[in-house]
């Protein structure tokens, strides 16, 4: 995440069970330093797992 006060470190999204399954919603929360007004986020994946293609619908 990038804000007017700087950038956060990378956050690895992990948890119990099978994440990022078709037609499922995964929710994550994390703490970071005060970044000021959020300007942009960078989202990616490591191309691992069975059928690693994915579609991100939204970030809220």
PDB file of N, CA and C in Angstrom:
ATOM      1  N   UNK A   1       0.846  -1.157   0.000  1.00  0.00           N
ATOM      2  CA  UNK A   1       0.000   0.000   0.000  1.00  0.00           C
ATOM      3  C   UNK A   1       0.898   1.228   0.000  1.00  0.00           C
ATOM      4  N   UNK A   2       0.436   2.252  -0.672  1.00  0.00           N
ATOM      5  CA  UNK A   2       1.197   3.484  -0.804  1.00  0.00           C
ATOM      6  C   UNK A   2       0.312   4.660  -0.406  1.00  0.00           C
ATOM      7  N   UNK A   3       0.850   5.509   0.440  1.00  0.00           N
ATOM      8  CA  UNK A   3       0.099   6.669   0.885  1.00  0.00           C
ATOM      9  C   UNK A   3       0.947   7.921   0.836  1.00  0.00           C
ATOM     10  N   UNK A   4       0.373   9.025   1.258  1.00  0.00           N
ATOM     11  CA  UNK A   4       1.078  10.302   1.235  1.00  0.00           C
ATOM     12  C   UNK A   4       2.239  10.348   2.219  1.00  0.00           C
ATOM     13  N   UNK A   5       2.254   9.449   3.227  1.00  0.00           N
ATOM     14  CA  UNK A   5       3.343   9.411   4.212  1.00  0.00           C
ATOM     15  C   UNK A   5       4.339   8.286   3.962  1.00  0.00           C
ATOM     16  N   UNK A   6       4.201   7.537   2.871  1.00  0.00           N
ATOM     17  CA  UNK A   6       5.133   6.451   2.592  1.00  0.00           C
ATOM     18  C   UNK A   6       4.424   5.182   2.178  1.00  0.00           C
ATOM     19  N   UNK A   7       5.176   4.084   2.200  1.00  0.00           N
ATOM     20  CA  UNK A   7       4.658   2.789   1.747  1.00  0.00           C
ATOM     21  C   UNK A   7       4.786   1.754   2.856  1.00  0.00           C
ATOM     22  N   UNK A   8       3.891   0.780   2.841  1.00  0.00           N
ATOM     23  CA  UNK A   8       3.966  -0.316   3.806  1.00  0.00           C
ATOM     24  C   UNK A   8       4.852  -1.416   3.248  1.00  0.00           C
ATOM     25  N   UNK A   9       5.206  -2.357   4.109  1.00  0.00           N
ATOM     26  CA  UNK A   9       5.916  -3.537   3.633  1.00  0.00           C
ATOM     27  C   UNK A   9       4.902  -4.466   2.972  1.00  0.00           C
ATOM     28  N   UNK A  10       5.378  -5.478   2.263  1.00  0.00           N
ATOM     29  CA  UNK A  10       4.481  -6.447   1.631  1.00  0.00           C
ATOM     30  C   UNK A  10       3.741  -7.247   2.690  1.00  0.00           C
ATOM     31  N   UNK A  11       2.510  -7.594   2.409  1.00  0.00           N
ATOM     32  CA  UNK A  11       1.696  -8.416   3.295  1.00  0.00           C
ATOM     33  C   UNK A  11       1.341  -9.697   2.553  1.00  0.00           C
ATOM     34  N   UNK A  12       1.680 -10.839   3.127  1.00  0.00           N
ATOM     35  CA  UNK A  12       1.351 -12.135   2.549  1.00  0.00           C
ATOM     36  C   UNK A  12      -0.011 -12.557   3.093  1.00  0.00           C
ATOM     37  N   UNK A  13      -0.950 -12.824   2.212  1.00  0.00           N
ATOM     38  CA  UNK A  13      -2.295 -13.224   2.627  1.00  0.00           C
ATOM     39  C   UNK A  13      -2.314 -14.729   2.814  1.00  0.00           C
ATOM     40  N   UNK A  14      -2.499 -15.160   4.065  1.00  0.00           N
ATOM     41  CA  UNK A  14      -2.430 -16.570   4.407  1.00  0.00           C
ATOM     42  C   UNK A  14      -3.457 -16.852   5.491  1.00  0.00           C
ATOM     43  N   UNK A  15      -3.846 -18.086   5.604  1.00  0.00           N
ATOM     44  CA  UNK A  15      -4.793 -18.448   6.645  1.00  0.00           C
ATOM     45  C   UNK A  15      -5.124 -19.923   6.579  1.00  0.00           C
ATOM     46  N   UNK A  16      -6.028 -20.375   7.454  1.00  0.00           N
ATOM     47  CA  UNK A  16      -6.388 -21.791   7.486  1.00  0.00           C
ATOM     48  C   UNK A  16      -7.269 -22.169   6.294  1.00  0.00           C
ATOM     49  N   UNK A  17      -7.230 -23.423   5.917  1.00  0.00           N
ATOM     50  CA  UNK A  17      -8.100 -23.915   4.850  1.00  0.00           C
ATOM     51  C   UNK A  17      -7.615 -23.530   3.468  1.00  0.00           C
ATOM     52  N   UNK A  18      -8.476 -23.780   2.502  1.00  0.00           N
ATOM     53  CA  UNK A  18      -8.162 -23.462   1.110  1.00  0.00           C
ATOM     54  C   UNK A  18      -8.609 -22.041   0.797  1.00  0.00           C
ATOM     55  N   UNK A  19      -7.663 -21.190   0.508  1.00  0.00           N
ATOM     56  CA  UNK A  19      -7.974 -19.800   0.200  1.00  0.00           C
ATOM     57  C   UNK A  19      -8.116 -19.607  -1.300  1.00  0.00           C
ATOM     58  N   UNK A  20      -8.838 -18.571  -1.665  1.00  0.00           N
ATOM     59  CA  UNK A  20      -8.973 -18.140  -3.055  1.00  0.00           C
ATOM     60  C   UNK A  20      -9.621 -19.199  -3.940  1.00  0.00           C
ATOM     61  N   UNK A  21     -10.609 -19.892  -3.393  1.00  0.00           N
ATOM     62  CA  UNK A  21     -11.354 -20.885  -4.158  1.00  0.00           C
ATOM     63  C   UNK A  21     -12.392 -20.178  -5.037  1.00  0.00           C
ATOM     64  N   UNK A  22     -12.767 -20.819  -6.125  1.00  0.00           N
ATOM     65  CA  UNK A  22     -13.767 -20.280  -7.047  1.00  0.00           C
ATOM     66  C   UNK A  22     -15.076 -19.992  -6.301  1.00  0.00           C
ATOM     67  N   UNK A  23     -15.670 -18.841  -6.590  1.00  0.00           N
ATOM     68  CA  UNK A  23     -16.949 -18.410  -6.010  1.00  0.00           C
ATOM     69  C   UNK A  23     -16.912 -18.257  -4.493  1.00  0.00           C
ATOM     70  N   UNK A  24     -15.762 -17.990  -3.932  1.00  0.00           N
ATOM     71  CA  UNK A  24     -15.618 -17.777  -2.497  1.00  0.00           C
ATOM     72  C   UNK A  24     -15.121 -16.359  -2.233  1.00  0.00           C
ATOM     73  N   UNK A  25     -15.359 -15.881  -1.027  1.00  0.00           N
ATOM     74  CA  UNK A  25     -14.859 -14.581  -0.587  1.00  0.00           C
ATOM     75  C   UNK A  25     -13.882 -14.809   0.548  1.00  0.00           C
ATOM     76  N   UNK A  26     -12.710 -14.208   0.461  1.00  0.00           N
ATOM     77  CA  UNK A  26     -11.717 -14.268   1.532  1.00  0.00           C
ATOM     78  C   UNK A  26     -11.530 -12.864   2.075  1.00  0.00           C
ATOM     79  N   UNK A  27     -11.484 -12.740   3.393  1.00  0.00           N
ATOM     80  CA  UNK A  27     -11.330 -11.444   4.043  1.00  0.00           C
ATOM     81  C   UNK A  27     -10.074 -11.461   4.888  1.00  0.00           C
ATOM     82  N   UNK A  28      -9.288 -10.398   4.798  1.00  0.00           N
ATOM     83  CA  UNK A  28      -8.040 -10.286   5.540  1.00  0.00           C
ATOM     84  C   UNK A  28      -7.959  -8.906   6.172  1.00  0.00           C
ATOM     85  N   UNK A  29      -7.334  -8.835   7.316  1.00  0.00           N
ATOM     86  CA  UNK A  29      -7.058  -7.565   7.963  1.00  0.00           C
ATOM     87  C   UNK A  29      -5.623  -7.559   8.439  1.00  0.00           C
ATOM     88  N   UNK A  30      -5.014  -6.394   8.476  1.00  0.00           N
ATOM     89  CA  UNK A  30      -3.652  -6.287   8.988  1.00  0.00           C
ATOM     90  C   UNK A  30      -3.393  -4.869   9.442  1.00  0.00           C
ATOM     91  N   UNK A  31      -2.387  -4.728  10.278  1.00  0.00           N
ATOM     92  CA  UNK A  31      -1.998  -3.424  10.800  1.00  0.00           C
ATOM     93  C   UNK A  31      -0.751  -2.947  10.079  1.00  0.00           C
ATOM     94  N   UNK A  32      -0.644  -1.652   9.920  1.00  0.00           N
ATOM     95  CA  UNK A  32       0.536  -1.057   9.306  1.00  0.00           C
ATOM     96  C   UNK A  32       0.735   0.333   9.901  1.00  0.00           C
ATOM     97  N   UNK A  33       1.849   0.936   9.611  1.00  0.00           N
ATOM     98  CA  UNK A  33       2.105   2.292  10.090  1.00  0.00           C
ATOM     99  C   UNK A  33       1.143   3.250   9.401  1.00  0.00           C
ATOM    100  N   UNK A  34       1.024   4.459   9.928  1.00  0.00           N
ATOM    101  CA  UNK A  34       0.169   5.480   9.317  1.00  0.00           C
ATOM    102  C   UNK A  34       0.744   5.872   7.962  1.00  0.00           C
ATOM    103  N   UNK A  35       0.036   5.525   6.915  1.00  0.00           N
ATOM    104  CA  UNK A  35       0.500   5.829   5.562  1.00  0.00           C
ATOM    105  C   UNK A  35      -0.051   7.151   5.045  1.00  0.00           C
ATOM    106  N   UNK A  36      -0.853   7.821   5.844  1.00  0.00           N
ATOM    107  CA  UNK A  36      -1.505   9.036   5.364  1.00  0.00           C
ATOM    108  C   UNK A  36      -2.679   8.653   4.476  1.00  0.00           C
ATOM    109  N   UNK A  37      -3.000   9.518   3.542  1.00  0.00           N
ATOM    110  CA  UNK A  37      -4.084   9.222   2.604  1.00  0.00           C
ATOM    111  C   UNK A  37      -3.625   8.136   1.641  1.00  0.00           C
ATOM    112  N   UNK A  38      -4.405   7.074   1.546  1.00  0.00           N
ATOM    113  CA  UNK A  38      -4.061   5.963   0.669  1.00  0.00           C
ATOM    114  C   UNK A  38      -4.109   6.421  -0.783  1.00  0.00           C
ATOM    115  N   UNK A  39      -3.033   6.162  -1.516  1.00  0.00           N
ATOM    116  CA  UNK A  39      -2.925   6.575  -2.910  1.00  0.00           C
ATOM    117  C   UNK A  39      -3.112   5.409  -3.875  1.00  0.00           C
ATOM    118  N   UNK A  40      -2.517   4.259  -3.559  1.00  0.00           N
ATOM    119  CA  UNK A  40      -2.647   3.086  -4.425  1.00  0.00           C
ATOM    120  C   UNK A  40      -2.258   1.838  -3.657  1.00  0.00           C
ATOM    121  N   UNK A  41      -2.637   0.693  -4.201  1.00  0.00           N
ATOM    122  CA  UNK A  41      -2.225  -0.597  -3.665  1.00  0.00           C
ATOM    123  C   UNK A  41      -1.673  -1.429  -4.813  1.00  0.00           C
ATOM    124  N   UNK A  42      -0.798  -2.347  -4.485  1.00  0.00           N
ATOM    125  CA  UNK A  42      -0.208  -3.252  -5.470  1.00  0.00           C
ATOM    126  C   UNK A  42      -0.565  -4.669  -5.046  1.00  0.00           C
ATOM    127  N   UNK A  43      -1.193  -5.424  -5.940  1.00  0.00           N
ATOM    128  CA  UNK A  43      -1.653  -6.772  -5.635  1.00  0.00           C
ATOM    129  C   UNK A  43      -1.058  -7.736  -6.647  1.00  0.00           C
ATOM    130  N   UNK A  44      -0.578  -8.878  -6.161  1.00  0.00           N
ATOM    131  CA  UNK A  44      -0.002  -9.872  -7.063  1.00  0.00           C
ATOM    132  C   UNK A  44      -0.162 -11.261  -6.486  1.00  0.00           C
ATOM    133  N   UNK A  45       0.377 -12.251  -7.206  1.00  0.00           N
ATOM    134  CA  UNK A  45       0.355 -13.632  -6.721  1.00  0.00           C
ATOM    135  C   UNK A  45       1.601 -14.349  -7.218  1.00  0.00           C
ATOM    136  N   UNK A  46       1.870 -15.517  -6.634  1.00  0.00           N
ATOM    137  CA  UNK A  46       3.099 -16.249  -6.958  1.00  0.00           C
ATOM    138  C   UNK A  46       2.888 -17.356  -7.988  1.00  0.00           C
ATOM    139  N   UNK A  47       1.691 -17.412  -8.583  1.00  0.00           N
ATOM    140  CA  UNK A  47       1.395 -18.372  -9.651  1.00  0.00           C
ATOM    141  C   UNK A  47       1.480 -19.825  -9.179  1.00  0.00           C
ATOM    142  N   UNK A  48       1.267 -20.076  -7.886  1.00  0.00           N
ATOM    143  CA  UNK A  48       1.350 -21.440  -7.358  1.00  0.00           C
ATOM    144  C   UNK A  48      -0.044 -22.035  -7.183  1.00  0.00           C
ATOM    145  N   UNK A  49      -0.093 -23.314  -6.911  1.00  0.00           N
ATOM    146  CA  UNK A  49      -1.347 -24.014  -6.675  1.00  0.00           C
ATOM    147  C   UNK A  49      -1.964 -24.548  -7.958  1.00  0.00           C
ATOM    148  N   UNK A  50      -3.055 -25.291  -7.786  1.00  0.00           N
ATOM    149  CA  UNK A  50      -3.751 -25.889  -8.922  1.00  0.00           C
ATOM    150  C   UNK A  50      -4.576 -24.821  -9.634  1.00  0.00           C
ATOM    151  N   UNK A  51      -4.366 -24.615 -10.916  1.00  0.00           N
ATOM    152  CA  UNK A  51      -5.108 -23.594 -11.662  1.00  0.00           C
ATOM    153  C   UNK A  51      -4.895 -22.219 -11.070  1.00  0.00           C
ATOM    154  N   UNK A  52      -3.676 -21.687 -11.099  1.00  0.00           N
ATOM    155  CA  UNK A  52      -3.350 -20.467 -10.372  1.00  0.00           C
ATOM    156  C   UNK A  52      -3.932 -19.178 -10.954  1.00  0.00           C
ATOM    157  N   UNK A  53      -4.618 -19.232 -12.078  1.00  0.00           N
ATOM    158  CA  UNK A  53      -5.222 -18.011 -12.616  1.00  0.00           C
ATOM    159  C   UNK A  53      -6.314 -17.534 -11.656  1.00  0.00           C
ATOM    160  N   UNK A  54      -6.470 -16.230 -11.505  1.00  0.00           N
ATOM    161  CA  UNK A  54      -7.483 -15.713 -10.608  1.00  0.00           C
ATOM    162  C   UNK A  54      -7.992 -14.374 -11.093  1.00  0.00           C
ATOM    163  N   UNK A  55      -9.129 -13.956 -10.546  1.00  0.00           N
ATOM    164  CA  UNK A  55      -9.772 -12.701 -10.877  1.00  0.00           C
ATOM    165  C   UNK A  55     -10.089 -11.985  -9.581  1.00  0.00           C
ATOM    166  N   UNK A  56      -9.629 -10.766  -9.454  1.00  0.00           N
ATOM    167  CA  UNK A  56      -9.914  -9.949  -8.275  1.00  0.00           C
ATOM    168  C   UNK A  56     -11.096  -9.052  -8.601  1.00  0.00           C
ATOM    169  N   UNK A  57     -12.181  -9.224  -7.867  1.00  0.00           N
ATOM    170  CA  UNK A  57     -13.390  -8.452  -8.127  1.00  0.00           C
ATOM    171  C   UNK A  57     -13.302  -7.060  -7.522  1.00  0.00           C
ATOM    172  N   UNK A  58     -12.908  -6.964  -6.239  1.00  0.00           N
ATOM    173  CA  UNK A  58     -12.839  -5.650  -5.609  1.00  0.00           C
ATOM    174  C   UNK A  58     -12.013  -5.689  -4.334  1.00  0.00           C
ATOM    175  N   UNK A  59     -11.575  -4.515  -3.935  1.00  0.00           N
ATOM    176  CA  UNK A  59     -10.872  -4.301  -2.675  1.00  0.00           C
ATOM    177  C   UNK A  59     -11.641  -3.211  -1.946  1.00  0.00           C
ATOM    178  N   UNK A  60     -12.031  -3.490  -0.704  1.00  0.00           N
ATOM    179  CA  UNK A  60     -12.789  -2.498   0.065  1.00  0.00           C
ATOM    180  C   UNK A  60     -12.105  -2.209   1.372  1.00  0.00           C
TER     181      UNK A  60
END
